Amino acid sequence: MTQVFEVLVRGRMSGQLAQALDGFTVQARPGGLTSILGPIDDQPRLLGLLGAFDDLHIEVISVNPVSAPDAGSPGQGDADASAPD
């Protein structure tokens, strides 16, 4: 099963490196960080991506799964109709 992950790294990525991450969205974040967001099919692919960053001496700050909101569940800030008054 494919899971979307956000990998947060220290520093900015060159355009060439960002293009090499085909299928991922690369976005500069405040504080000199870069977010890499995309689908990971399995653990070996995730470990391969992290290994590539290590080989390039790119410091990984965090790796987080990104869950898609359920269609039937209330969004953030929405009131839950089943909650007692």
PDB file of N, CA and C in Angstrom:
ATOM      1  N   MET A   1       0.844  -1.185   0.000  1.00  0.00           N
ATOM      2  CA  MET A   1       0.000   0.000   0.000  1.00  0.00           C
ATOM      3  C   MET A   1       0.887   1.245   0.000  1.00  0.00           C
ATOM      4  N   THR A   2       0.581   2.162  -0.850  1.00  0.00           N
ATOM      5  CA  THR A   2       1.338   3.401  -0.938  1.00  0.00           C
ATOM      6  C   THR A   2       0.901   4.359   0.163  1.00  0.00           C
ATOM      7  N   GLN A   3       1.882   4.974   0.797  1.00  0.00           N
ATOM      8  CA  GLN A   3       1.651   5.958   1.865  1.00  0.00           C
ATOM      9  C   GLN A   3       2.384   7.236   1.470  1.00  0.00           C
ATOM     10  N   VAL A   4       1.768   8.370   1.724  1.00  0.00           N
ATOM     11  CA  VAL A   4       2.419   9.651   1.466  1.00  0.00           C
ATOM     12  C   VAL A   4       3.225  10.031   2.705  1.00  0.00           C
ATOM     13  N   PHE A   5       4.477  10.454   2.472  1.00  0.00           N
ATOM     14  CA  PHE A   5       5.357  10.891   3.544  1.00  0.00           C
ATOM     15  C   PHE A   5       5.853  12.296   3.275  1.00  0.00           C
ATOM     16  N   GLU A   6       6.105  13.026   4.353  1.00  0.00           N
ATOM     17  CA  GLU A   6       6.809  14.300   4.266  1.00  0.00           C
ATOM     18  C   GLU A   6       8.157  14.098   4.948  1.00  0.00           C
ATOM     19  N   VAL A   7       9.221  14.370   4.197  1.00  0.00           N
ATOM     20  CA  VAL A   7      10.574  14.324   4.737  1.00  0.00           C
ATOM     21  C   VAL A   7      11.034  15.773   4.835  1.00  0.00           C
ATOM     22  N   LEU A   8      11.415  16.179   6.022  1.00  0.00           N
ATOM     23  CA  LEU A   8      11.865  17.545   6.261  1.00  0.00           C
ATOM     24  C   LEU A   8      13.376  17.515   6.405  1.00  0.00           C
ATOM     25  N   VAL A   9      14.071  18.322   5.588  1.00  0.00           N
ATOM     26  CA  VAL A   9      15.533  18.343   5.611  1.00  0.00           C
ATOM     27  C   VAL A   9      16.026  19.764   5.872  1.00  0.00           C
ATOM     28  N   ARG A  10      17.264  19.851   6.389  1.00  0.00           N
ATOM     29  CA  ARG A  10      17.878  21.149   6.634  1.00  0.00           C
ATOM     30  C   ARG A  10      18.537  21.629   5.346  1.00  0.00           C
ATOM     31  N   GLY A  11      18.311  22.890   5.026  1.00  0.00           N
ATOM     32  CA  GLY A  11      18.925  23.497   3.852  1.00  0.00           C
ATOM     33  C   GLY A  11      17.968  23.572   2.674  1.00  0.00           C
ATOM     34  N   ARG A  12      18.455  24.198   1.608  1.00  0.00           N
ATOM     35  CA  ARG A  12      17.683  24.354   0.373  1.00  0.00           C
ATOM     36  C   ARG A  12      18.198  23.386  -0.674  1.00  0.00           C
ATOM     37  N   MET A  13      17.303  22.927  -1.531  1.00  0.00           N
ATOM     38  CA  MET A  13      17.685  22.000  -2.593  1.00  0.00           C
ATOM     39  C   MET A  13      17.860  22.764  -3.891  1.00  0.00           C
ATOM     40  N   SER A  14      18.875  22.362  -4.634  1.00  0.00           N
ATOM     41  CA  SER A  14      19.073  22.950  -5.961  1.00  0.00           C
ATOM     42  C   SER A  14      17.936  22.488  -6.868  1.00  0.00           C
ATOM     43  N   GLY A  15      17.696  23.234  -7.927  1.00  0.00           N
ATOM     44  CA  GLY A  15      16.675  22.847  -8.891  1.00  0.00           C
ATOM     45  C   GLY A  15      16.963  21.496  -9.504  1.00  0.00           C
ATOM     46  N   GLN A  16      18.243  21.206  -9.742  1.00  0.00           N
ATOM     47  CA  GLN A  16      18.639  19.931 -10.329  1.00  0.00           C
ATOM     48  C   GLN A  16      18.302  18.765  -9.393  1.00  0.00           C
ATOM     49  N   LEU A  17      18.577  18.932  -8.114  1.00  0.00           N
ATOM     50  CA  LEU A  17      18.274  17.873  -7.151  1.00  0.00           C
ATOM     51  C   LEU A  17      16.760  17.717  -6.995  1.00  0.00           C
ATOM     52  N   ALA A  18      16.038  18.825  -6.971  1.00  0.00           N
ATOM     53  CA  ALA A  18      14.577  18.763  -6.850  1.00  0.00           C
ATOM     54  C   ALA A  18      13.975  18.024  -8.044  1.00  0.00           C
ATOM     55  N   GLN A  19      14.519  18.254  -9.243  1.00  0.00           N
ATOM     56  CA  GLN A  19      14.024  17.560 -10.436  1.00  0.00           C
ATOM     57  C   GLN A  19      14.317  16.067 -10.369  1.00  0.00           C
ATOM     58  N   ALA A  20      15.426  15.697  -9.744  1.00  0.00           N
ATOM     59  CA  ALA A  20      15.786  14.287  -9.612  1.00  0.00           C
ATOM     60  C   ALA A  20      14.802  13.547  -8.708  1.00  0.00           C
ATOM     61  N   LEU A  21      14.099  14.277  -7.857  1.00  0.00           N
ATOM     62  CA  LEU A  21      13.110  13.666  -6.961  1.00  0.00           C
ATOM     63  C   LEU A  21      11.759  13.606  -7.665  1.00  0.00           C
ATOM     64  N   ASP A  22      11.743  12.967  -8.816  1.00  0.00           N
ATOM     65  CA  ASP A  22      10.545  12.865  -9.641  1.00  0.00           C
ATOM     66  C   ASP A  22       9.409  12.209  -8.853  1.00  0.00           C
ATOM     67  N   GLY A  23       8.236  12.825  -8.905  1.00  0.00           N
ATOM     68  CA  GLY A  23       7.086  12.292  -8.183  1.00  0.00           C
ATOM     69  C   GLY A  23       6.910  12.890  -6.800  1.00  0.00           C
ATOM     70  N   PHE A  24       7.884  13.717  -6.379  1.00  0.00           N
ATOM     71  CA  PHE A  24       7.820  14.367  -5.069  1.00  0.00           C
ATOM     72  C   PHE A  24       7.645  15.867  -5.252  1.00  0.00           C
ATOM     73  N   THR A  25       6.974  16.484  -4.300  1.00  0.00           N
ATOM     74  CA  THR A  25       6.841  17.928  -4.270  1.00  0.00           C
ATOM     75  C   THR A  25       7.904  18.466  -3.324  1.00  0.00           C
ATOM     76  N   VAL A  26       8.747  19.364  -3.814  1.00  0.00           N
ATOM     77  CA  VAL A  26       9.822  19.946  -3.012  1.00  0.00           C
ATOM     78  C   VAL A  26       9.462  21.407  -2.769  1.00  0.00           C
ATOM     79  N   GLN A  27       9.444  21.803  -1.497  1.00  0.00           N
ATOM     80  CA  GLN A  27       8.999  23.151  -1.138  1.00  0.00           C
ATOM     81  C   GLN A  27       9.878  23.713  -0.032  1.00  0.00           C
ATOM     82  N   ALA A  28      10.373  24.939  -0.241  1.00  0.00           N
ATOM     83  CA  ALA A  28      11.156  25.621   0.792  1.00  0.00           C
ATOM     84  C   ALA A  28      10.240  25.964   1.957  1.00  0.00           C
ATOM     85  N   ARG A  29      10.748  25.793   3.167  1.00  0.00           N
ATOM     86  CA  ARG A  29      10.016  26.117   4.391  1.00  0.00           C
ATOM     87  C   ARG A  29      10.795  27.156   5.171  1.00  0.00           C
ATOM     88  N   PRO A  30      10.153  27.846   6.098  1.00  0.00           N
ATOM     89  CA  PRO A  30      10.863  28.834   6.931  1.00  0.00           C
ATOM     90  C   PRO A  30      11.984  28.185   7.734  1.00  0.00           C
ATOM     91  N   GLY A  31      12.959  28.981   8.089  1.00  0.00           N
ATOM     92  CA  GLY A  31      14.042  28.502   8.941  1.00  0.00           C
ATOM     93  C   GLY A  31      15.101  27.719   8.186  1.00  0.00           C
ATOM     94  N   GLY A  32      15.147  27.882   6.855  1.00  0.00           N
ATOM     95  CA  GLY A  32      16.158  27.188   6.076  1.00  0.00           C
ATOM     96  C   GLY A  32      15.891  25.711   5.895  1.00  0.00           C
ATOM     97  N   LEU A  33      14.640  25.296   5.980  1.00  0.00           N
ATOM     98  CA  LEU A  33      14.268  23.891   5.831  1.00  0.00           C
ATOM     99  C   LEU A  33      13.612  23.667   4.470  1.00  0.00           C
ATOM    100  N   THR A  34      13.597  22.408   4.032  1.00  0.00           N
ATOM    101  CA  THR A  34      12.923  22.025   2.795  1.00  0.00           C
ATOM    102  C   THR A  34      12.042  20.816   3.077  1.00  0.00           C
ATOM    103  N   SER A  35      10.826  20.858   2.548  1.00  0.00           N
ATOM    104  CA  SER A  35       9.871  19.764   2.677  1.00  0.00           C
ATOM    105  C   SER A  35       9.854  18.971   1.374  1.00  0.00           C
ATOM    106  N   ILE A  36       9.968  17.655   1.479  1.00  0.00           N
ATOM    107  CA  ILE A  36       9.855  16.758   0.337  1.00  0.00           C
ATOM    108  C   ILE A  36       8.644  15.879   0.620  1.00  0.00           C
ATOM    109  N   LEU A  37       7.628  15.986  -0.218  1.00  0.00           N
ATOM    110  CA  LEU A  37       6.352  15.312   0.014  1.00  0.00           C
ATOM    111  C   LEU A  37       6.042  14.409  -1.172  1.00  0.00           C
ATOM    112  N   GLY A  38       5.725  13.154  -0.895  1.00  0.00           N
ATOM    113  CA  GLY A  38       5.375  12.270  -1.996  1.00  0.00           C
ATOM    114  C   GLY A  38       5.057  10.860  -1.553  1.00  0.00           C
ATOM    115  N   PRO A  39       4.592  10.059  -2.518  1.00  0.00           N
ATOM    116  CA  PRO A  39       4.195   8.682  -2.217  1.00  0.00           C
ATOM    117  C   PRO A  39       5.400   7.763  -2.083  1.00  0.00           C
ATOM    118  N   ILE A  40       5.344   6.893  -1.096  1.00  0.00           N
ATOM    119  CA  ILE A  40       6.365   5.873  -0.872  1.00  0.00           C
ATOM    120  C   ILE A  40       5.649   4.535  -0.888  1.00  0.00           C
ATOM    121  N   ASP A  41       6.058   3.651  -1.795  1.00  0.00           N
ATOM    122  CA  ASP A  41       5.373   2.365  -1.972  1.00  0.00           C
ATOM    123  C   ASP A  41       5.626   1.383  -0.841  1.00  0.00           C
ATOM    124  N   ASP A  42       6.870   1.395  -0.323  1.00  0.00           N
ATOM    125  CA  ASP A  42       7.207   0.422   0.698  1.00  0.00           C
ATOM    126  C   ASP A  42       8.432   0.892   1.486  1.00  0.00           C
ATOM    127  N   GLN A  43       8.761   0.150   2.528  1.00  0.00           N
ATOM    128  CA  GLN A  43       9.865   0.539   3.398  1.00  0.00           C
ATOM    129  C   GLN A  43      11.212   0.578   2.679  1.00  0.00           C
ATOM    130  N   PRO A  44      11.523  -0.377   1.786  1.00  0.00           N
ATOM    131  CA  PRO A  44      12.805  -0.285   1.074  1.00  0.00           C
ATOM    132  C   PRO A  44      12.944   1.009   0.263  1.00  0.00           C
ATOM    133  N   ARG A  45      11.845   1.481  -0.318  1.00  0.00           N
ATOM    134  CA  ARG A  45      11.914   2.746  -1.075  1.00  0.00           C
ATOM    135  C   ARG A  45      12.177   3.915  -0.132  1.00  0.00           C
ATOM    136  N   LEU A  46      11.529   3.926   1.022  1.00  0.00           N
ATOM    137  CA  LEU A  46      11.760   4.981   2.007  1.00  0.00           C
ATOM    138  C   LEU A  46      13.215   4.955   2.474  1.00  0.00           C
ATOM    139  N   LEU A  47      13.710   3.767   2.777  1.00  0.00           N
ATOM    140  CA  LEU A  47      15.102   3.649   3.221  1.00  0.00           C
ATOM    141  C   LEU A  47      16.076   4.058   2.116  1.00  0.00           C
ATOM    142  N   GLY A  48      15.737   3.770   0.869  1.00  0.00           N
ATOM    143  CA  GLY A  48      16.567   4.190  -0.256  1.00  0.00           C
ATOM    144  C   GLY A  48      16.625   5.703  -0.390  1.00  0.00           C
ATOM    145  N   LEU A  49      15.476   6.358  -0.210  1.00  0.00           N
ATOM    146  CA  LEU A  49      15.432   7.824  -0.265  1.00  0.00           C
ATOM    147  C   LEU A  49      16.265   8.422   0.858  1.00  0.00           C
ATOM    148  N   LEU A  50      16.094   7.901   2.065  1.00  0.00           N
ATOM    149  CA  LEU A  50      16.858   8.411   3.204  1.00  0.00           C
ATOM    150  C   LEU A  50      18.350   8.135   3.032  1.00  0.00           C
ATOM    151  N   GLY A  51      18.687   6.982   2.452  1.00  0.00           N
ATOM    152  CA  GLY A  51      20.085   6.658   2.182  1.00  0.00           C
ATOM    153  C   GLY A  51      20.702   7.610   1.177  1.00  0.00           C
ATOM    154  N   ALA A  52      19.933   7.996   0.165  1.00  0.00           N
ATOM    155  CA  ALA A  52      20.423   8.956  -0.828  1.00  0.00           C
ATOM    156  C   ALA A  52      20.702  10.307  -0.174  1.00  0.00           C
ATOM    157  N   PHE A  53      19.822  10.736   0.714  1.00  0.00           N
ATOM    158  CA  PHE A  53      20.070  11.999   1.424  1.00  0.00           C
ATOM    159  C   PHE A  53      21.334  11.891   2.267  1.00  0.00           C
ATOM    160  N   ASP A  54      21.517  10.755   2.914  1.00  0.00           N
ATOM    161  CA  ASP A  54      22.713  10.546   3.725  1.00  0.00           C
ATOM    162  C   ASP A  54      23.974  10.592   2.861  1.00  0.00           C
ATOM    163  N   ASP A  55      23.926   9.934   1.701  1.00  0.00           N
ATOM    164  CA  ASP A  55      25.074   9.943   0.785  1.00  0.00           C
ATOM    165  C   ASP A  55      25.431  11.352   0.331  1.00  0.00           C
ATOM    166  N   LEU A  56      24.411  12.213   0.209  1.00  0.00           N
ATOM    167  CA  LEU A  56      24.619  13.595  -0.222  1.00  0.00           C
ATOM    168  C   LEU A  56      24.869  14.544   0.952  1.00  0.00           C
ATOM    169  N   HIS A  57      24.968  13.983   2.157  1.00  0.00           N
ATOM    170  CA  HIS A  57      25.178  14.770   3.386  1.00  0.00           C
ATOM    171  C   HIS A  57      24.067  15.792   3.608  1.00  0.00           C
ATOM    172  N   ILE A  58      22.841  15.366   3.328  1.00  0.00           N
ATOM    173  CA  ILE A  58      21.662  16.198   3.583  1.00  0.00           C
ATOM    174  C   ILE A  58      21.082  15.744   4.913  1.00  0.00           C
ATOM    175  N   GLU A  59      20.991  16.675   5.850  1.00  0.00           N
ATOM    176  CA  GLU A  59      20.498  16.352   7.194  1.00  0.00           C
ATOM    177  C   GLU A  59      18.982  16.227   7.203  1.00  0.00           C
ATOM    178  N   VAL A  60      18.500  15.034   7.549  1.00  0.00           N
ATOM    179  CA  VAL A  60      17.061  14.786   7.660  1.00  0.00           C
ATOM    180  C   VAL A  60      16.619  15.176   9.063  1.00  0.00           C
ATOM    181  N   ILE A  61      15.632  16.052   9.143  1.00  0.00           N
ATOM    182  CA  ILE A  61      15.097  16.529  10.422  1.00  0.00           C
ATOM    183  C   ILE A  61      13.970  15.622  10.900  1.00  0.00           C
ATOM    184  N   SER A  62      13.071  15.250   9.990  1.00  0.00           N
ATOM    185  CA  SER A  62      11.961  14.377  10.378  1.00  0.00           C
ATOM    186  C   SER A  62      11.393  13.660   9.165  1.00  0.00           C
ATOM    187  N   VAL A  63      10.748  12.531   9.435  1.00  0.00           N
ATOM    188  CA  VAL A  63      10.032  11.753   8.426  1.00  0.00           C
ATOM    189  C   VAL A  63       8.662  11.469   9.012  1.00  0.00           C
ATOM    190  N   ASN A  64       7.625  11.956   8.325  1.00  0.00           N
ATOM    191  CA  ASN A  64       6.277  11.839   8.886  1.00  0.00           C
ATOM    192  C   ASN A  64       5.291  11.342   7.844  1.00  0.00           C
ATOM    193  N   PRO A  65       4.487  10.334   8.189  1.00  0.00           N
ATOM    194  CA  PRO A  65       3.413   9.936   7.284  1.00  0.00           C
ATOM    195  C   PRO A  65       2.360  11.035   7.245  1.00  0.00           C
ATOM    196  N   VAL A  66       1.788  11.227   6.075  1.00  0.00           N
ATOM    197  CA  VAL A  66       0.740  12.233   5.901  1.00  0.00           C
ATOM    198  C   VAL A  66      -0.536  11.486   5.593  1.00  0.00           C
ATOM    199  N   SER A  67      -1.514  11.611   6.463  1.00  0.00           N
ATOM    200  CA  SER A  67      -2.772  10.900   6.253  1.00  0.00           C
ATOM    201  C   SER A  67      -3.767  11.810   5.547  1.00  0.00           C
ATOM    202  N   ALA A  68      -4.481  11.218   4.611  1.00  0.00           N
ATOM    203  CA  ALA A  68      -5.543  11.945   3.925  1.00  0.00           C
ATOM    204  C   ALA A  68      -6.770  11.944   4.826  1.00  0.00           C
ATOM    205  N   PRO A  69      -7.478  13.058   4.906  1.00  0.00           N
ATOM    206  CA  PRO A  69      -8.681  13.090   5.745  1.00  0.00           C
ATOM    207  C   PRO A  69      -9.746  12.154   5.189  1.00  0.00           C
ATOM    208  N   ASP A  70     -10.465  11.478   6.084  1.00  0.00           N
ATOM    209  CA  ASP A  70     -11.560  10.599   5.674  1.00  0.00           C
ATOM    210  C   ASP A  70     -12.696  11.442   5.130  1.00  0.00           C
ATOM    211  N   ALA A  71     -13.329  10.960   4.078  1.00  0.00           N
ATOM    212  CA  ALA A  71     -14.416  11.712   3.446  1.00  0.00           C
ATOM    213  C   ALA A  71     -15.600  11.899   4.394  1.00  0.00           C
ATOM    214  N   GLY A  72     -15.839  10.933   5.273  1.00  0.00           N
ATOM    215  CA  GLY A  72     -16.996  11.012   6.141  1.00  0.00           C
ATOM    216  C   GLY A  72     -16.729  11.637   7.494  1.00  0.00           C
ATOM    217  N   SER A  73     -15.494  11.993   7.779  1.00  0.00           N
ATOM    218  CA  SER A  73     -15.191  12.535   9.098  1.00  0.00           C
ATOM    219  C   SER A  73     -15.146  14.054   9.050  1.00  0.00           C
ATOM    220  N   PRO A  74     -15.485  14.690  10.145  1.00  0.00           N
ATOM    221  CA  PRO A  74     -15.450  16.154  10.155  1.00  0.00           C
ATOM    222  C   PRO A  74     -14.017  16.645  10.025  1.00  0.00           C
ATOM    223  N   GLY A  75     -13.847  17.762   9.320  1.00  0.00           N
ATOM    224  CA  GLY A  75     -12.523  18.347   9.165  1.00  0.00           C
ATOM    225  C   GLY A  75     -12.126  19.108  10.399  1.00  0.00           C
ATOM    226  N   GLN A  76     -10.887  19.569  10.414  1.00  0.00           N
ATOM    227  CA  GLN A  76     -10.404  20.330  11.556  1.00  0.00           C
ATOM    228  C   GLN A  76     -11.238  21.588  11.705  1.00  0.00           C
ATOM    229  N   GLY A  77     -11.726  21.831  12.887  1.00  0.00           N
ATOM    230  CA  GLY A  77     -12.536  23.005  13.142  1.00  0.00           C
ATOM    231  C   GLY A  77     -14.021  22.774  12.935  1.00  0.00           C
ATOM    232  N   ASP A  78     -14.398  21.652  12.332  1.00  0.00           N
ATOM    233  CA  ASP A  78     -15.811  21.351  12.140  1.00  0.00           C
ATOM    234  C   ASP A  78     -16.382  20.736  13.406  1.00  0.00           C
ATOM    235  N   ALA A  79     -17.630  21.033  13.676  1.00  0.00           N
ATOM    236  CA  ALA A  79     -18.286  20.454  14.842  1.00  0.00           C
ATOM    237  C   ALA A  79     -18.713  19.027  14.527  1.00  0.00           C
ATOM    238  N   ASP A  80     -18.533  18.142  15.448  1.00  0.00           N
ATOM    239  CA  ASP A  80     -18.972  16.751  15.287  1.00  0.00           C
ATOM    240  C   ASP A  80     -20.435  16.676  15.685  1.00  0.00           C
ATOM    241  N   ALA A  81     -21.277  16.282  14.735  1.00  0.00           N
ATOM    242  CA  ALA A  81     -22.729  16.252  14.987  1.00  0.00           C
ATOM    243  C   ALA A  81     -23.102  15.278  16.089  1.00  0.00           C
ATOM    244  N   SER A  82     -22.260  14.262  16.343  1.00  0.00           N
ATOM    245  CA  SER A  82     -22.607  13.278  17.365  1.00  0.00           C
ATOM    246  C   SER A  82     -22.119  13.677  18.747  1.00  0.00           C
ATOM    247  N   ALA A  83     -21.407  14.782  18.866  1.00  0.00           N
ATOM    248  CA  ALA A  83     -20.897  15.229  20.172  1.00  0.00           C
ATOM    249  C   ALA A  83     -22.053  15.744  21.007  1.00  0.00           C
ATOM    250  N   PRO A  84     -22.060  15.405  22.313  1.00  0.00           N
ATOM    251  CA  PRO A  84     -23.139  15.897  23.174  1.00  0.00           C
ATOM    252  C   PRO A  84     -23.025  17.404  23.383  1.00  0.00           C
ATOM    253  N   ASP A  85     -24.161  18.037  23.600  1.00  0.00           N
ATOM    254  CA  ASP A  85     -24.179  19.493  23.826  1.00  0.00           C
ATOM    255  C   ASP A  85     -23.754  19.843  25.217  1.00  0.00           C
TER     256      ASP A  85
END
